PDB file of N, CA and C in Angstrom:
ATOM      1  N   UNK A   1       0.843  -1.182   0.000  1.00  0.00           N
ATOM      2  CA  UNK A   1       0.000   0.000   0.000  1.00  0.00           C
ATOM      3  C   UNK A   1       0.885   1.240   0.000  1.00  0.00           C
ATOM      4  N   UNK A   2       0.475   2.148  -0.806  1.00  0.00           N
ATOM      5  CA  UNK A   2       1.233   3.388  -0.839  1.00  0.00           C
ATOM      6  C   UNK A   2       0.698   4.369   0.202  1.00  0.00           C
ATOM      7  N   UNK A   3       1.343   5.496   0.391  1.00  0.00           N
ATOM      8  CA  UNK A   3       0.998   6.464   1.433  1.00  0.00           C
ATOM      9  C   UNK A   3      -0.357   7.106   1.247  1.00  0.00           C
ATOM     10  N   UNK A   4      -0.746   7.404  -0.017  1.00  0.00           N
ATOM     11  CA  UNK A   4      -2.049   8.028  -0.266  1.00  0.00           C
ATOM     12  C   UNK A   4      -3.181   7.115   0.144  1.00  0.00           C
ATOM     13  N   UNK A   5      -3.060   5.855  -0.219  1.00  0.00           N
ATOM     14  CA  UNK A   5      -4.118   4.888   0.082  1.00  0.00           C
ATOM     15  C   UNK A   5      -4.261   4.711   1.594  1.00  0.00           C
ATOM     16  N   UNK A   6      -3.155   4.676   2.304  1.00  0.00           N
ATOM     17  CA  UNK A   6      -3.174   4.527   3.754  1.00  0.00           C
ATOM     18  C   UNK A   6      -3.805   5.757   4.412  1.00  0.00           C
ATOM     19  N   UNK A   7      -3.525   6.935   3.904  1.00  0.00           N
ATOM     20  CA  UNK A   7      -4.109   8.163   4.445  1.00  0.00           C
ATOM     21  C   UNK A   7      -5.613   8.193   4.204  1.00  0.00           C
ATOM     22  N   UNK A   8      -6.049   7.801   3.030  1.00  0.00           N
ATOM     23  CA  UNK A   8      -7.489   7.749   2.737  1.00  0.00           C
ATOM     24  C   UNK A   8      -8.203   6.754   3.628  1.00  0.00           C
ATOM     25  N   UNK A   9      -7.606   5.582   3.815  1.00  0.00           N
ATOM     26  CA  UNK A   9      -8.199   4.560   4.669  1.00  0.00           C
ATOM     27  C   UNK A   9      -8.320   5.076   6.104  1.00  0.00           C
ATOM     28  N   UNK A  10      -7.296   5.767   6.591  1.00  0.00           N
ATOM     29  CA  UNK A  10      -7.351   6.339   7.939  1.00  0.00           C
ATOM     30  C   UNK A  10      -8.425   7.398   8.066  1.00  0.00           C
ATOM     31  N   UNK A  11      -8.574   8.225   7.043  1.00  0.00           N
ATOM     32  CA  UNK A  11      -9.594   9.269   7.063  1.00  0.00           C
ATOM     33  C   UNK A  11     -10.991   8.666   7.065  1.00  0.00           C
ATOM     34  N   UNK A  12     -11.217   7.627   6.264  1.00  0.00           N
ATOM     35  CA  UNK A  12     -12.522   6.968   6.207  1.00  0.00           C
ATOM     36  C   UNK A  12     -12.855   6.336   7.558  1.00  0.00           C
ATOM     37  N   UNK A  13     -11.875   5.689   8.178  1.00  0.00           N
ATOM     38  CA  UNK A  13     -12.111   5.065   9.493  1.00  0.00           C
ATOM     39  C   UNK A  13     -12.421   6.142  10.538  1.00  0.00           C
ATOM     40  N   UNK A  14     -11.688   7.254  10.499  1.00  0.00           N
ATOM     41  CA  UNK A  14     -11.924   8.343  11.446  1.00  0.00           C
ATOM     42  C   UNK A  14     -13.324   8.917  11.283  1.00  0.00           C
ATOM     43  N   UNK A  15     -13.759   9.159  10.041  1.00  0.00           N
ATOM     44  CA  UNK A  15     -15.101   9.702   9.783  1.00  0.00           C
ATOM     45  C   UNK A  15     -16.171   8.714  10.226  1.00  0.00           C
ATOM     46  N   UNK A  16     -15.939   7.428   9.993  1.00  0.00           N
ATOM     47  CA  UNK A  16     -16.919   6.414  10.403  1.00  0.00           C
ATOM     48  C   UNK A  16     -17.067   6.401  11.922  1.00  0.00           C
ATOM     49  N   UNK A  17     -15.961   6.496  12.645  1.00  0.00           N
ATOM     50  CA  UNK A  17     -16.031   6.518  14.107  1.00  0.00           C
ATOM     51  C   UNK A  17     -16.725   7.797  14.589  1.00  0.00           C
ATOM     52  N   UNK A  18     -16.436   8.925  13.965  1.00  0.00           N
ATOM     53  CA  UNK A  18     -17.058  10.188  14.354  1.00  0.00           C
ATOM     54  C   UNK A  18     -18.564  10.152  14.121  1.00  0.00           C
ATOM     55  N   UNK A  19     -18.988   9.600  12.992  1.00  0.00           N
ATOM     56  CA  UNK A  19     -20.424   9.497  12.703  1.00  0.00           C
ATOM     57  C   UNK A  19     -21.100   8.567  13.703  1.00  0.00           C
ATOM     58  N   UNK A  20     -20.473   7.446  14.014  1.00  0.00           N
ATOM     59  CA  UNK A  20     -21.042   6.501  14.978  1.00  0.00           C
ATOM     60  C   UNK A  20     -21.190   7.158  16.353  1.00  0.00           C
ATOM     61  N   UNK A  21     -20.181   7.877  16.813  1.00  0.00           N
ATOM     62  CA  UNK A  21     -20.257   8.548  18.116  1.00  0.00           C
ATOM     63  C   UNK A  21     -21.348   9.606  18.123  1.00  0.00           C
ATOM     64  N   UNK A  22     -21.513  10.324  17.003  1.00  0.00           N
ATOM     65  CA  UNK A  22     -22.559  11.341  16.915  1.00  0.00           C
ATOM     66  C   UNK A  22     -23.944  10.716  16.970  1.00  0.00           C
ATOM     67  N   UNK A  23     -24.142   9.621  16.255  1.00  0.00           N
ATOM     68  CA  UNK A  23     -25.449   8.947  16.255  1.00  0.00           C
ATOM     69  C   UNK A  23     -25.767   8.420  17.651  1.00  0.00           C
ATOM     70  N   UNK A  24     -24.793   7.841  18.323  1.00  0.00           N
ATOM     71  CA  UNK A  24     -25.023   7.330  19.679  1.00  0.00           C
ATOM     72  C   UNK A  24     -25.394   8.476  20.618  1.00  0.00           C
ATOM     73  N   UNK A  25     -24.707   9.594  20.513  1.00  0.00           N
ATOM     74  CA  UNK A  25     -24.983  10.736  21.392  1.00  0.00           C
ATOM     75  C   UNK A  25     -26.355  11.335  21.109  1.00  0.00           C
ATOM     76  N   UNK A  26     -26.763  11.381  19.841  1.00  0.00           N
ATOM     77  CA  UNK A  26     -28.056  11.964  19.497  1.00  0.00           C
ATOM     78  C   UNK A  26     -29.220  11.074  19.909  1.00  0.00           C
ATOM     79  N   UNK A  27     -29.027   9.772  19.948  1.00  0.00           N
ATOM     80  CA  UNK A  27     -30.126   8.877  20.319  1.00  0.00           C
ATOM     81  C   UNK A  27     -30.209   8.644  21.820  1.00  0.00           C
ATOM     82  N   UNK A  28     -29.236   9.123  22.572  1.00  0.00           N
ATOM     83  CA  UNK A  28     -29.259   8.948  24.027  1.00  0.00           C
ATOM     84  C   UNK A  28     -30.355   9.817  24.628  1.00  0.00           C
ATOM     85  N   UNK A  29     -31.136   9.262  25.538  1.00  0.00           N
ATOM     86  CA  UNK A  29     -32.193  10.006  26.221  1.00  0.00           C
ATOM     87  C   UNK A  29     -31.644  10.510  27.545  1.00  0.00           C
ATOM     88  N   UNK A  30     -31.786  11.799  27.761  1.00  0.00           N
ATOM     89  CA  UNK A  30     -31.334  12.385  29.016  1.00  0.00           C
ATOM     90  C   UNK A  30     -32.457  12.276  30.040  1.00  0.00           C
ATOM     91  N   UNK A  31     -32.124  11.702  31.182  1.00  0.00           N
ATOM     92  CA  UNK A  31     -33.095  11.623  32.266  1.00  0.00           C
ATOM     93  C   UNK A  31     -33.142  12.969  32.982  1.00  0.00           C
ATOM     94  N   UNK A  32     -34.340  13.481  33.241  1.00  0.00           N
ATOM     95  CA  UNK A  32     -34.416  14.757  33.953  1.00  0.00           C
ATOM     96  C   UNK A  32     -33.915  14.596  35.389  1.00  0.00           C
ATOM     97  N   UNK A  33     -33.351  15.641  35.895  1.00  0.00           N
ATOM     98  CA  UNK A  33     -32.845  15.608  37.269  1.00  0.00           C
ATOM     99  C   UNK A  33     -34.017  15.463  38.232  1.00  0.00           C
ATOM    100  N   UNK A  34     -33.856  14.670  39.281  1.00  0.00           N
ATOM    101  CA  UNK A  34     -34.952  14.520  40.234  1.00  0.00           C
ATOM    102  C   UNK A  34     -35.231  15.847  40.945  1.00  0.00           C
ATOM    103  N   UNK A  35     -36.497  16.101  41.154  1.00  0.00           N
ATOM    104  CA  UNK A  35     -36.902  17.343  41.805  1.00  0.00           C
ATOM    105  C   UNK A  35     -36.549  17.287  43.284  1.00  0.00           C
ATOM    106  N   UNK A  36     -36.068  18.387  43.782  1.00  0.00           N
ATOM    107  CA  UNK A  36     -35.710  18.470  45.190  1.00  0.00           C
ATOM    108  C   UNK A  36     -36.972  18.656  46.020  1.00  0.00           C
ATOM    109  N   UNK A  37     -37.154  17.815  47.020  1.00  0.00           N
ATOM    110  CA  UNK A  37     -38.338  17.911  47.864  1.00  0.00           C
ATOM    111  C   UNK A  37     -38.038  18.591  49.192  1.00  0.00           C
ATOM    112  N   UNK A  38     -36.776  18.887  49.455  1.00  0.00           N
ATOM    113  CA  UNK A  38     -36.420  19.549  50.708  1.00  0.00           C
ATOM    114  C   UNK A  38     -36.804  21.024  50.627  1.00  0.00           C
ATOM    115  N   UNK A  39     -37.395  21.561  51.668  1.00  0.00           N
ATOM    116  CA  UNK A  39     -37.768  22.975  51.638  1.00  0.00           C
ATOM    117  C   UNK A  39     -36.521  23.860  51.704  1.00  0.00           C
ATOM    118  N   UNK A  40     -36.602  24.981  51.070  1.00  0.00           N
ATOM    119  CA  UNK A  40     -35.478  25.923  51.078  1.00  0.00           C
ATOM    120  C   UNK A  40     -35.377  26.554  52.458  1.00  0.00           C
ATOM    121  N   UNK A  41     -34.166  26.650  52.968  1.00  0.00           N
ATOM    122  CA  UNK A  41     -33.963  27.244  54.280  1.00  0.00           C
ATOM    123  C   UNK A  41     -34.010  28.762  54.168  1.00  0.00           C
ATOM    124  N   UNK A  42     -34.776  29.367  55.022  1.00  0.00           N
ATOM    125  CA  UNK A  42     -34.862  30.814  55.075  1.00  0.00           C
ATOM    126  C   UNK A  42     -34.043  31.293  56.263  1.00  0.00           C
ATOM    127  N   UNK A  43     -33.084  32.160  56.035  1.00  0.00           N
ATOM    128  CA  UNK A  43     -32.310  32.657  57.167  1.00  0.00           C
ATOM    129  C   UNK A  43     -33.207  33.492  58.073  1.00  0.00           C
ATOM    130  N   UNK A  44     -32.888  33.528  59.349  1.00  0.00           N
ATOM    131  CA  UNK A  44     -33.723  34.334  60.253  1.00  0.00           C
ATOM    132  C   UNK A  44     -33.646  35.807  59.853  1.00  0.00           C
ATOM    133  N   UNK A  45     -34.751  36.498  60.029  1.00  0.00           N
ATOM    134  CA  UNK A  45     -34.781  37.898  59.640  1.00  0.00           C
ATOM    135  C   UNK A  45     -33.947  38.719  60.616  1.00  0.00           C
ATOM    136  N   UNK A  46     -33.241  39.683  60.075  1.00  0.00           N
ATOM    137  CA  UNK A  46     -32.369  40.536  60.859  1.00  0.00           C
ATOM    138  C   UNK A  46     -33.028  41.902  60.992  1.00  0.00           C
ATOM    139  N   UNK A  47     -33.370  42.323  62.216  1.00  0.00           N
ATOM    140  CA  UNK A  47     -34.008  43.639  62.360  1.00  0.00           C
ATOM    141  C   UNK A  47     -33.094  44.783  61.933  1.00  0.00           C
ATOM    142  N   UNK A  48     -31.780  44.593  62.056  1.00  0.00           N
ATOM    143  CA  UNK A  48     -30.853  45.637  61.620  1.00  0.00           C
ATOM    144  C   UNK A  48     -30.953  45.842  60.114  1.00  0.00           C
ATOM    145  N   UNK A  49     -31.092  44.750  59.390  1.00  0.00           N
ATOM    146  CA  UNK A  49     -31.211  44.849  57.928  1.00  0.00           C
ATOM    147  C   UNK A  49     -32.459  45.643  57.541  1.00  0.00           C
ATOM    148  N   UNK A  50     -33.572  45.382  58.242  1.00  0.00           N
ATOM    149  CA  UNK A  50     -34.807  46.109  57.947  1.00  0.00           C
ATOM    150  C   UNK A  50     -34.645  47.597  58.259  1.00  0.00           C
ATOM    151  N   UNK A  51     -33.954  47.902  59.349  1.00  0.00           N
ATOM    152  CA  UNK A  51     -33.723  49.298  59.710  1.00  0.00           C
ATOM    153  C   UNK A  51     -32.840  49.986  58.676  1.00  0.00           C
ATOM    154  N   UNK A  52     -31.800  49.289  58.230  1.00  0.00           N
ATOM    155  CA  UNK A  52     -30.924  49.876  57.212  1.00  0.00           C
ATOM    156  C   UNK A  52     -31.661  50.106  55.902  1.00  0.00           C
ATOM    157  N   UNK A  53     -32.573  49.209  55.559  1.00  0.00           N
ATOM    158  CA  UNK A  53     -33.385  49.405  54.341  1.00  0.00           C
ATOM    159  C   UNK A  53     -34.262  50.646  54.482  1.00  0.00           C
ATOM    160  N   UNK A  54     -34.853  50.812  55.682  1.00  0.00           N
ATOM    161  CA  UNK A  54     -35.705  51.979  55.922  1.00  0.00           C
ATOM    162  C   UNK A  54     -34.881  53.252  55.804  1.00  0.00           C
ATOM    163  N   UNK A  55     -33.665  53.236  56.360  1.00  0.00           N
ATOM    164  CA  UNK A  55     -32.790  54.406  56.282  1.00  0.00           C
ATOM    165  C   UNK A  55     -32.388  54.692  54.842  1.00  0.00           C
ATOM    166  N   UNK A  56     -32.214  53.650  54.059  1.00  0.00           N
ATOM    167  CA  UNK A  56     -31.885  53.829  52.653  1.00  0.00           C
ATOM    168  C   UNK A  56     -33.041  54.514  51.925  1.00  0.00           C
ATOM    169  N   UNK A  57     -34.262  54.154  52.296  1.00  0.00           N
ATOM    170  CA  UNK A  57     -35.436  54.762  51.667  1.00  0.00           C
ATOM    171  C   UNK A  57     -35.575  56.236  52.055  1.00  0.00           C
ATOM    172  N   UNK A  58     -35.116  56.592  53.267  1.00  0.00           N
ATOM    173  CA  UNK A  58     -35.238  57.978  53.719  1.00  0.00           C
ATOM    174  C   UNK A  58     -34.338  58.918  52.936  1.00  0.00           C
ATOM    175  N   UNK A  59     -33.229  58.410  52.467  1.00  0.00           N
ATOM    176  CA  UNK A  59     -32.315  59.238  51.693  1.00  0.00           C
ATOM    177  C   UNK A  59     -31.503  60.153  52.585  1.00  0.00           C
ATOM    178  N   UNK A  60     -31.413  61.429  52.212  1.00  0.00           N
ATOM    179  CA  UNK A  60     -30.565  62.377  52.931  1.00  0.00           C
ATOM    180  C   UNK A  60     -31.098  62.700  54.316  1.00  0.00           C
ATOM    181  N   UNK A  61     -32.391  62.575  54.534  1.00  0.00           N
ATOM    182  CA  UNK A  61     -32.948  62.868  55.858  1.00  0.00           C
ATOM    183  C   UNK A  61     -32.527  61.835  56.897  1.00  0.00           C
ATOM    184  N   UNK A  62     -32.007  60.707  56.449  1.00  0.00           N
ATOM    185  CA  UNK A  62     -31.562  59.671  57.390  1.00  0.00           C
ATOM    186  C   UNK A  62     -30.342  60.111  58.178  1.00  0.00           C
ATOM    187  N   UNK A  63     -29.591  61.096  57.681  1.00  0.00           N
ATOM    188  CA  UNK A  63     -28.387  61.544  58.396  1.00  0.00           C
ATOM    189  C   UNK A  63     -28.717  62.232  59.709  1.00  0.00           C
ATOM    190  N   UNK A  64     -29.956  62.696  59.876  1.00  0.00           N
ATOM    191  CA  UNK A  64     -30.343  63.336  61.128  1.00  0.00           C
ATOM    192  C   UNK A  64     -31.272  62.449  61.956  1.00  0.00           C
ATOM    193  N   UNK A  65     -31.564  61.251  61.497  1.00  0.00           N
ATOM    194  CA  UNK A  65     -32.435  60.332  62.222  1.00  0.00           C
ATOM    195  C   UNK A  65     -31.608  59.531  63.232  1.00  0.00           C
ATOM    196  N   UNK A  66     -31.928  59.608  64.528  1.00  0.00           N
ATOM    197  CA  UNK A  66     -31.133  58.891  65.534  1.00  0.00           C
ATOM    198  C   UNK A  66     -31.174  57.369  65.361  1.00  0.00           C
ATOM    199  N   UNK A  67     -32.289  56.822  64.898  1.00  0.00           N
ATOM    200  CA  UNK A  67     -32.382  55.372  64.692  1.00  0.00           C
ATOM    201  C   UNK A  67     -31.449  54.935  63.567  1.00  0.00           C
ATOM    202  N   UNK A  68     -31.344  55.745  62.537  1.00  0.00           N
ATOM    203  CA  UNK A  68     -30.446  55.414  61.420  1.00  0.00           C
ATOM    204  C   UNK A  68     -28.989  55.530  61.849  1.00  0.00           C
ATOM    205  N   UNK A  69     -28.682  56.552  62.628  1.00  0.00           N
ATOM    206  CA  UNK A  69     -27.312  56.707  63.106  1.00  0.00           C
ATOM    207  C   UNK A  69     -26.907  55.522  63.976  1.00  0.00           C
ATOM    208  N   UNK A  70     -27.817  55.059  64.829  1.00  0.00           N
ATOM    209  CA  UNK A  70     -27.528  53.896  65.674  1.00  0.00           C
ATOM    210  C   UNK A  70     -27.392  52.631  64.834  1.00  0.00           C
ATOM    211  N   UNK A  71     -28.234  52.485  63.816  1.00  0.00           N
ATOM    212  CA  UNK A  71     -28.166  51.305  62.954  1.00  0.00           C
ATOM    213  C   UNK A  71     -26.857  51.285  62.181  1.00  0.00           C
ATOM    214  N   UNK A  72     -26.419  52.447  61.689  1.00  0.00           N
ATOM    215  CA  UNK A  72     -25.142  52.507  60.966  1.00  0.00           C
ATOM    216  C   UNK A  72     -23.981  52.181  61.888  1.00  0.00           C
ATOM    217  N   UNK A  73     -24.046  52.649  63.123  1.00  0.00           N
ATOM    218  CA  UNK A  73     -22.974  52.352  64.081  1.00  0.00           C
ATOM    219  C   UNK A  73     -22.923  50.853  64.378  1.00  0.00           C
ATOM    220  N   UNK A  74     -24.087  50.234  64.549  1.00  0.00           N
ATOM    221  CA  UNK A  74     -24.119  48.793  64.809  1.00  0.00           C
ATOM    222  C   UNK A  74     -23.624  48.003  63.603  1.00  0.00           C
ATOM    223  N   UNK A  75     -24.006  48.439  62.420  1.00  0.00           N
ATOM    224  CA  UNK A  75     -23.549  47.764  61.203  1.00  0.00           C
ATOM    225  C   UNK A  75     -22.032  47.886  61.058  1.00  0.00           C
ATOM    226  N   UNK A  76     -21.503  49.047  61.344  1.00  0.00           N
ATOM    227  CA  UNK A  76     -20.061  49.265  61.283  1.00  0.00           C
ATOM    228  C   UNK A  76     -19.333  48.382  62.301  1.00  0.00           C
ATOM    229  N   UNK A  77     -19.904  48.288  63.511  1.00  0.00           N
ATOM    230  CA  UNK A  77     -19.287  47.446  64.535  1.00  0.00           C
ATOM    231  C   UNK A  77     -19.315  45.976  64.137  1.00  0.00           C
ATOM    232  N   UNK A  78     -20.409  45.546  63.544  1.00  0.00           N
ATOM    233  CA  UNK A  78     -20.480  44.151  63.072  1.00  0.00           C
ATOM    234  C   UNK A  78     -19.437  43.884  62.008  1.00  0.00           C
ATOM    235  N   UNK A  79     -19.296  44.827  61.082  1.00  0.00           N
ATOM    236  CA  UNK A  79     -18.345  44.657  59.985  1.00  0.00           C
ATOM    237  C   UNK A  79     -16.918  44.586  60.508  1.00  0.00           C
ATOM    238  N   UNK A  80     -16.603  45.442  61.464  1.00  0.00           N
ATOM    239  CA  UNK A  80     -15.251  45.478  62.012  1.00  0.00           C
ATOM    240  C   UNK A  80     -15.011  44.408  63.067  1.00  0.00           C
ATOM    241  N   UNK A  81     -16.060  43.686  63.448  1.00  0.00           N
ATOM    242  CA  UNK A  81     -15.911  42.610  64.421  1.00  0.00           C
ATOM    243  C   UNK A  81     -15.780  43.113  65.846  1.00  0.00           C
ATOM    244  N   UNK A  82     -16.296  44.281  66.117  1.00  0.00           N
ATOM    245  CA  UNK A  82     -16.220  44.841  67.456  1.00  0.00           C
ATOM    246  C   UNK A  82     -17.538  44.654  68.185  1.00  0.00           C
ATOM    247  N   UNK A  83     -17.441  44.500  69.490  1.00  0.00           N
ATOM    248  CA  UNK A  83     -18.636  44.544  70.324  1.00  0.00           C
ATOM    249  C   UNK A  83     -18.789  45.984  70.792  1.00  0.00           C
ATOM    250  N   UNK A  84     -19.956  46.392  71.239  1.00  0.00           N
ATOM    251  CA  UNK A  84     -20.131  47.790  71.650  1.00  0.00           C
ATOM    252  C   UNK A  84     -19.154  48.222  72.747  1.00  0.00           C
ATOM    253  N   UNK A  85     -18.660  47.296  73.577  1.00  0.00           N
ATOM    254  CA  UNK A  85     -17.723  47.650  74.639  1.00  0.00           C
ATOM    255  C   UNK A  85     -16.327  47.925  74.086  1.00  0.00           C
ATOM    256  N   UNK A  86     -16.024  47.511  72.885  1.00  0.00           N
ATOM    257  CA  UNK A  86     -14.694  47.682  72.304  1.00  0.00           C
ATOM    258  C   UNK A  86     -14.535  49.005  71.568  1.00  0.00           C
ATOM    259  N   UNK A  87     -15.530  49.841  71.577  1.00  0.00           N
ATOM    260  CA  UNK A  87     -15.424  51.097  70.857  1.00  0.00           C
ATOM    261  C   UNK A  87     -14.412  51.999  71.540  1.00  0.00           C
ATOM    262  N   UNK A  88     -13.958  53.010  70.842  1.00  0.00           N
ATOM    263  CA  UNK A  88     -12.900  53.893  71.353  1.00  0.00           C
ATOM    264  C   UNK A  88     -13.383  54.652  72.581  1.00  0.00           C
ATOM    265  N   UNK A  89     -12.498  54.886  73.570  1.00  0.00           N
ATOM    266  CA  UNK A  89     -12.901  55.633  74.766  1.00  0.00           C
ATOM    267  C   UNK A  89     -13.199  57.091  74.398  1.00  0.00           C
ATOM    268  N   UNK A  90     -14.034  57.692  75.192  1.00  0.00           N
ATOM    269  CA  UNK A  90     -14.423  59.075  74.944  1.00  0.00           C
ATOM    270  C   UNK A  90     -13.320  60.022  75.359  1.00  0.00           C
ATOM    271  N   UNK A  91     -13.285  61.199  74.762  1.00  0.00           N
ATOM    272  CA  UNK A  91     -12.270  62.198  75.057  1.00  0.00           C
ATOM    273  C   UNK A  91     -12.494  62.817  76.437  1.00  0.00           C
ATOM    274  N   UNK A  92     -13.747  62.932  76.906  1.00  0.00           N
ATOM    275  CA  UNK A  92     -14.073  63.596  78.176  1.00  0.00           C
ATOM    276  C   UNK A  92     -13.651  62.774  79.383  1.00  0.00           C
ATOM    277  N   UNK A  93     -13.416  61.499  79.257  1.00  0.00           N
ATOM    278  CA  UNK A  93     -13.087  60.652  80.403  1.00  0.00           C
ATOM    279  C   UNK A  93     -11.694  60.947  80.928  1.00  0.00           C
ATOM    280  N   UNK A  94     -10.788  61.506  80.138  1.00  0.00           N
ATOM    281  CA  UNK A  94      -9.427  61.752  80.563  1.00  0.00           C
ATOM    282  C   UNK A  94      -9.337  62.990  81.440  1.00  0.00           C
ATOM    283  N   UNK A  95     -10.244  63.924  81.333  1.00  0.00           N
ATOM    284  CA  UNK A  95     -10.153  65.189  82.067  1.00  0.00           C
ATOM    285  C   UNK A  95     -10.748  65.110  83.422  1.00  0.00           C
TER     286      UNK A  95
END
């Protein structure tokens, strides 16, 4: 066998295998995933989150609202990992 004939034979075999794999893949039936019956877990509601949402709705007037100022301070403390007792000491205590 010469080189051309061997190359043609290899190409025909490759195409035959590719067609067979395609036909097998197209005739395969996909089973639908089973439906989950477990209820979705709802995290407990956070009153701070609701307060922050309310302050967001107030817009610029929230800067003078004492409840919003307290909510922002608590949110900041949570973010920084501080408890209310860990806040900086007041300036008046030294005098």
